[in-house]
Amino acid sequence: MEQNHRLAKAISEVSWSMFRRMLEYKAAWYEREIIIAPQNYASSQICSECGQKNPDVKNLAIRQWQCPKCRAKHDRDINAVKNLVKLAI
């Protein structure tokens, strides 16, 4: 059904909405808090070491990159996780 370009976005949004509802239910059950990152948060573009934003990393083909400011080397996904953890704390 997601191959239908007219319905794909709606189907995807329903799935994420249901997942989020289940996650919120379980969090309430175990008395936990869910922190939602802003939709426009550039977690993979921000250097987790110095905080410099690198707009060149918007290209999804770039899997590893080096911060132009502090020269730290990053894997795109691991860097994003580190930034999301910082946001949650």
N, C-alpha and C. Protein backbone atom coordinates (compact mmCIF):
# COMPACT_ATOMS: atom_id res chain seq x y z
N MET A 1 0.82 -1.20 0.00
CA MET A 1 0.00 0.00 0.00
C MET A 1 0.86 1.26 0.00
N GLU A 2 2.06 1.17 0.55
CA GLU A 2 2.90 2.36 0.59
C GLU A 2 3.49 2.71 -0.77
N GLN A 3 3.33 1.85 -1.75
CA GLN A 3 3.82 2.18 -3.08
C GLN A 3 2.87 3.13 -3.79
N ASN A 4 1.65 3.25 -3.29
CA ASN A 4 0.70 4.23 -3.82
C ASN A 4 1.13 5.59 -3.29
N HIS A 5 1.64 6.46 -4.16
CA HIS A 5 2.22 7.74 -3.74
C HIS A 5 1.20 8.65 -3.05
N ARG A 6 -0.06 8.49 -3.37
CA ARG A 6 -1.08 9.33 -2.75
C ARG A 6 -1.37 8.92 -1.31
N LEU A 7 -1.23 7.64 -1.02
CA LEU A 7 -1.57 7.13 0.31
C LEU A 7 -0.36 6.86 1.19
N ALA A 8 0.83 6.83 0.62
CA ALA A 8 2.02 6.40 1.36
C ALA A 8 2.26 7.25 2.61
N LYS A 9 2.18 8.57 2.48
CA LYS A 9 2.45 9.43 3.62
C LYS A 9 1.41 9.21 4.72
N ALA A 10 0.16 9.12 4.35
CA ALA A 10 -0.90 8.92 5.34
C ALA A 10 -0.74 7.58 6.06
N ILE A 11 -0.38 6.54 5.32
CA ILE A 11 -0.20 5.22 5.92
C ILE A 11 0.98 5.25 6.89
N SER A 12 2.07 5.88 6.49
CA SER A 12 3.25 5.97 7.36
C SER A 12 2.94 6.74 8.63
N GLU A 13 2.21 7.85 8.50
CA GLU A 13 1.88 8.66 9.66
C GLU A 13 0.98 7.91 10.63
N VAL A 14 0.06 7.11 10.13
CA VAL A 14 -0.81 6.33 11.01
C VAL A 14 0.02 5.31 11.78
N SER A 15 0.95 4.67 11.12
CA SER A 15 1.79 3.68 11.78
C SER A 15 2.60 4.31 12.90
N TRP A 16 3.23 5.46 12.64
CA TRP A 16 4.03 6.13 13.68
C TRP A 16 3.13 6.65 14.79
N SER A 17 1.95 7.10 14.45
CA SER A 17 1.02 7.58 15.46
C SER A 17 0.63 6.44 16.41
N MET A 18 0.37 5.27 15.84
CA MET A 18 0.00 4.13 16.67
C MET A 18 1.18 3.68 17.53
N PHE A 19 2.38 3.67 16.95
CA PHE A 19 3.57 3.30 17.71
C PHE A 19 3.78 4.26 18.88
N ARG A 20 3.63 5.56 18.60
CA ARG A 20 3.81 6.55 19.67
C ARG A 20 2.77 6.38 20.76
N ARG A 21 1.53 6.10 20.38
CA ARG A 21 0.47 5.89 21.37
C ARG A 21 0.78 4.68 22.26
N MET A 22 1.26 3.60 21.66
CA MET A 22 1.63 2.41 22.43
C MET A 22 2.81 2.70 23.36
N LEU A 23 3.78 3.45 22.85
CA LEU A 23 4.95 3.81 23.65
C LEU A 23 4.55 4.68 24.84
N GLU A 24 3.66 5.64 24.62
CA GLU A 24 3.18 6.49 25.71
C GLU A 24 2.41 5.68 26.74
N TYR A 25 1.63 4.70 26.29
CA TYR A 25 0.88 3.83 27.20
C TYR A 25 1.85 3.04 28.08
N LYS A 26 2.85 2.43 27.45
CA LYS A 26 3.82 1.64 28.22
C LYS A 26 4.62 2.53 29.18
N ALA A 27 4.98 3.73 28.74
CA ALA A 27 5.72 4.65 29.60
C ALA A 27 4.89 5.02 30.82
N ALA A 28 3.62 5.29 30.62
CA ALA A 28 2.73 5.61 31.74
C ALA A 28 2.59 4.40 32.66
N TRP A 29 2.50 3.22 32.09
CA TRP A 29 2.38 1.98 32.86
C TRP A 29 3.56 1.81 33.81
N TYR A 30 4.78 2.10 33.30
CA TYR A 30 5.99 1.94 34.09
C TYR A 30 6.46 3.25 34.74
N GLU A 31 5.60 4.25 34.73
CA GLU A 31 5.86 5.56 35.33
C GLU A 31 7.15 6.17 34.79
N ARG A 32 7.27 6.19 33.48
CA ARG A 32 8.42 6.77 32.80
C ARG A 32 7.96 7.98 31.98
N GLU A 33 8.93 8.81 31.61
CA GLU A 33 8.64 10.00 30.82
C GLU A 33 9.20 9.81 29.41
N ILE A 34 8.43 10.22 28.42
CA ILE A 34 8.89 10.18 27.03
C ILE A 34 9.24 11.60 26.63
N ILE A 35 10.41 11.76 26.06
CA ILE A 35 10.84 13.07 25.58
C ILE A 35 10.87 13.00 24.06
N ILE A 36 10.12 13.86 23.42
CA ILE A 36 10.01 13.89 21.97
C ILE A 36 10.93 14.99 21.44
N ALA A 37 11.86 14.63 20.57
CA ALA A 37 12.74 15.62 19.95
C ALA A 37 11.94 16.42 18.92
N PRO A 38 12.24 17.70 18.79
CA PRO A 38 11.55 18.50 17.75
C PRO A 38 11.77 17.89 16.38
N GLN A 39 10.78 18.01 15.53
CA GLN A 39 10.84 17.39 14.20
C GLN A 39 12.00 17.94 13.37
N ASN A 40 12.36 19.18 13.59
CA ASN A 40 13.42 19.80 12.80
C ASN A 40 14.78 19.76 13.50
N TYR A 41 14.94 18.94 14.54
CA TYR A 41 16.20 18.84 15.26
C TYR A 41 17.22 18.10 14.40
N ALA A 42 18.33 18.74 14.11
CA ALA A 42 19.35 18.20 13.21
C ALA A 42 20.35 17.34 13.97
N SER A 43 19.92 16.24 14.53
CA SER A 43 20.75 15.43 15.41
C SER A 43 21.99 14.86 14.72
N SER A 44 21.91 14.53 13.46
CA SER A 44 23.07 13.94 12.78
C SER A 44 24.01 15.01 12.23
N GLN A 45 23.57 16.26 12.16
CA GLN A 45 24.39 17.34 11.59
C GLN A 45 25.19 18.10 12.65
N ILE A 46 24.83 17.94 13.91
CA ILE A 46 25.48 18.67 14.99
C ILE A 46 26.61 17.82 15.56
N CYS A 47 27.78 18.41 15.70
CA CYS A 47 28.92 17.70 16.28
C CYS A 47 28.63 17.44 17.75
N SER A 48 28.71 16.18 18.17
CA SER A 48 28.42 15.83 19.56
C SER A 48 29.54 16.26 20.50
N GLU A 49 30.69 16.63 19.95
CA GLU A 49 31.82 17.07 20.77
C GLU A 49 31.77 18.57 21.06
N CYS A 50 31.61 19.39 20.01
CA CYS A 50 31.70 20.85 20.19
C CYS A 50 30.40 21.59 19.92
N GLY A 51 29.42 20.94 19.30
CA GLY A 51 28.13 21.58 19.04
C GLY A 51 28.04 22.31 17.71
N GLN A 52 29.08 22.27 16.91
CA GLN A 52 29.09 22.93 15.60
C GLN A 52 28.13 22.21 14.65
N LYS A 53 27.28 22.99 13.93
CA LYS A 53 26.36 22.39 12.97
C LYS A 53 27.02 22.36 11.59
N ASN A 54 27.02 21.19 10.97
CA ASN A 54 27.62 21.01 9.67
C ASN A 54 26.52 20.74 8.64
N PRO A 55 26.10 21.76 7.88
CA PRO A 55 25.00 21.57 6.92
C PRO A 55 25.34 20.63 5.77
N ASP A 56 26.62 20.35 5.54
CA ASP A 56 27.02 19.43 4.47
C ASP A 56 26.53 18.01 4.73
N VAL A 57 26.24 17.68 5.97
CA VAL A 57 25.84 16.33 6.35
C VAL A 57 24.36 16.07 6.05
N LYS A 58 23.66 17.06 5.51
CA LYS A 58 22.26 16.83 5.11
C LYS A 58 22.16 15.73 4.06
N ASN A 59 23.20 15.58 3.29
CA ASN A 59 23.25 14.54 2.27
C ASN A 59 23.26 13.17 2.96
N LEU A 60 22.23 12.38 2.77
CA LEU A 60 22.10 11.09 3.45
C LEU A 60 23.14 10.07 3.02
N ALA A 61 23.81 10.31 1.90
CA ALA A 61 24.84 9.39 1.43
C ALA A 61 26.10 9.50 2.29
N ILE A 62 26.27 10.61 2.98
CA ILE A 62 27.44 10.79 3.84
C ILE A 62 27.20 10.04 5.13
N ARG A 63 27.94 8.96 5.34
CA ARG A 63 27.76 8.12 6.53
C ARG A 63 28.75 8.48 7.63
N GLN A 64 29.92 8.98 7.26
CA GLN A 64 30.93 9.40 8.23
C GLN A 64 31.41 10.78 7.83
N TRP A 65 31.68 11.61 8.84
CA TRP A 65 32.14 12.96 8.55
C TRP A 65 33.04 13.46 9.67
N GLN A 66 33.79 14.51 9.35
CA GLN A 66 34.71 15.10 10.32
C GLN A 66 34.26 16.54 10.57
N CYS A 67 34.21 16.91 11.84
CA CYS A 67 33.79 18.25 12.22
C CYS A 67 34.82 19.27 11.72
N PRO A 68 34.37 20.31 11.01
CA PRO A 68 35.33 21.30 10.52
C PRO A 68 35.93 22.16 11.63
N LYS A 69 35.27 22.20 12.78
CA LYS A 69 35.76 23.05 13.88
C LYS A 69 36.74 22.30 14.79
N CYS A 70 36.32 21.15 15.35
CA CYS A 70 37.15 20.45 16.33
C CYS A 70 37.86 19.21 15.75
N ARG A 71 37.56 18.87 14.49
CA ARG A 71 38.18 17.75 13.80
C ARG A 71 37.81 16.37 14.35
N ALA A 72 36.76 16.30 15.14
CA ALA A 72 36.30 15.00 15.65
C ALA A 72 35.68 14.21 14.49
N LYS A 73 35.93 12.92 14.45
CA LYS A 73 35.37 12.07 13.40
C LYS A 73 34.09 11.42 13.93
N HIS A 74 33.05 11.41 13.07
CA HIS A 74 31.74 10.92 13.49
C HIS A 74 31.17 9.92 12.50
N ASP A 75 30.51 8.92 13.03
CA ASP A 75 29.60 8.08 12.26
C ASP A 75 28.24 8.77 12.38
N ARG A 76 27.54 8.94 11.29
CA ARG A 76 26.30 9.71 11.27
C ARG A 76 25.29 9.23 12.32
N ASP A 77 25.05 7.93 12.40
CA ASP A 77 24.03 7.40 13.30
C ASP A 77 24.45 7.48 14.77
N ILE A 78 25.69 7.15 15.05
CA ILE A 78 26.17 7.20 16.44
C ILE A 78 26.19 8.63 16.94
N ASN A 79 26.60 9.56 16.08
CA ASN A 79 26.59 10.98 16.44
C ASN A 79 25.17 11.45 16.75
N ALA A 80 24.21 11.03 15.93
CA ALA A 80 22.81 11.41 16.16
C ALA A 80 22.31 10.90 17.50
N VAL A 81 22.66 9.67 17.85
CA VAL A 81 22.24 9.10 19.13
C VAL A 81 22.84 9.89 20.29
N LYS A 82 24.12 10.24 20.19
CA LYS A 82 24.75 11.03 21.25
C LYS A 82 24.05 12.37 21.43
N ASN A 83 23.69 13.02 20.32
CA ASN A 83 22.99 14.30 20.41
C ASN A 83 21.59 14.16 20.99
N LEU A 84 20.90 13.08 20.65
CA LEU A 84 19.56 12.87 21.21
C LEU A 84 19.61 12.57 22.70
N VAL A 85 20.63 11.86 23.14
CA VAL A 85 20.80 11.60 24.57
C VAL A 85 21.05 12.92 25.31
N LYS A 86 21.90 13.78 24.74
CA LYS A 86 22.16 15.10 25.34
C LYS A 86 20.88 15.92 25.42
N LEU A 87 20.06 15.85 24.36
CA LEU A 87 18.80 16.58 24.35
C LEU A 87 17.87 16.09 25.45
N ALA A 88 17.86 14.79 25.68
CA ALA A 88 16.97 14.21 26.70
C ALA A 88 17.41 14.56 28.11
N ILE A 89 18.71 14.69 28.30
CA ILE A 89 19.24 14.99 29.64
C ILE A 89 19.14 16.46 29.86
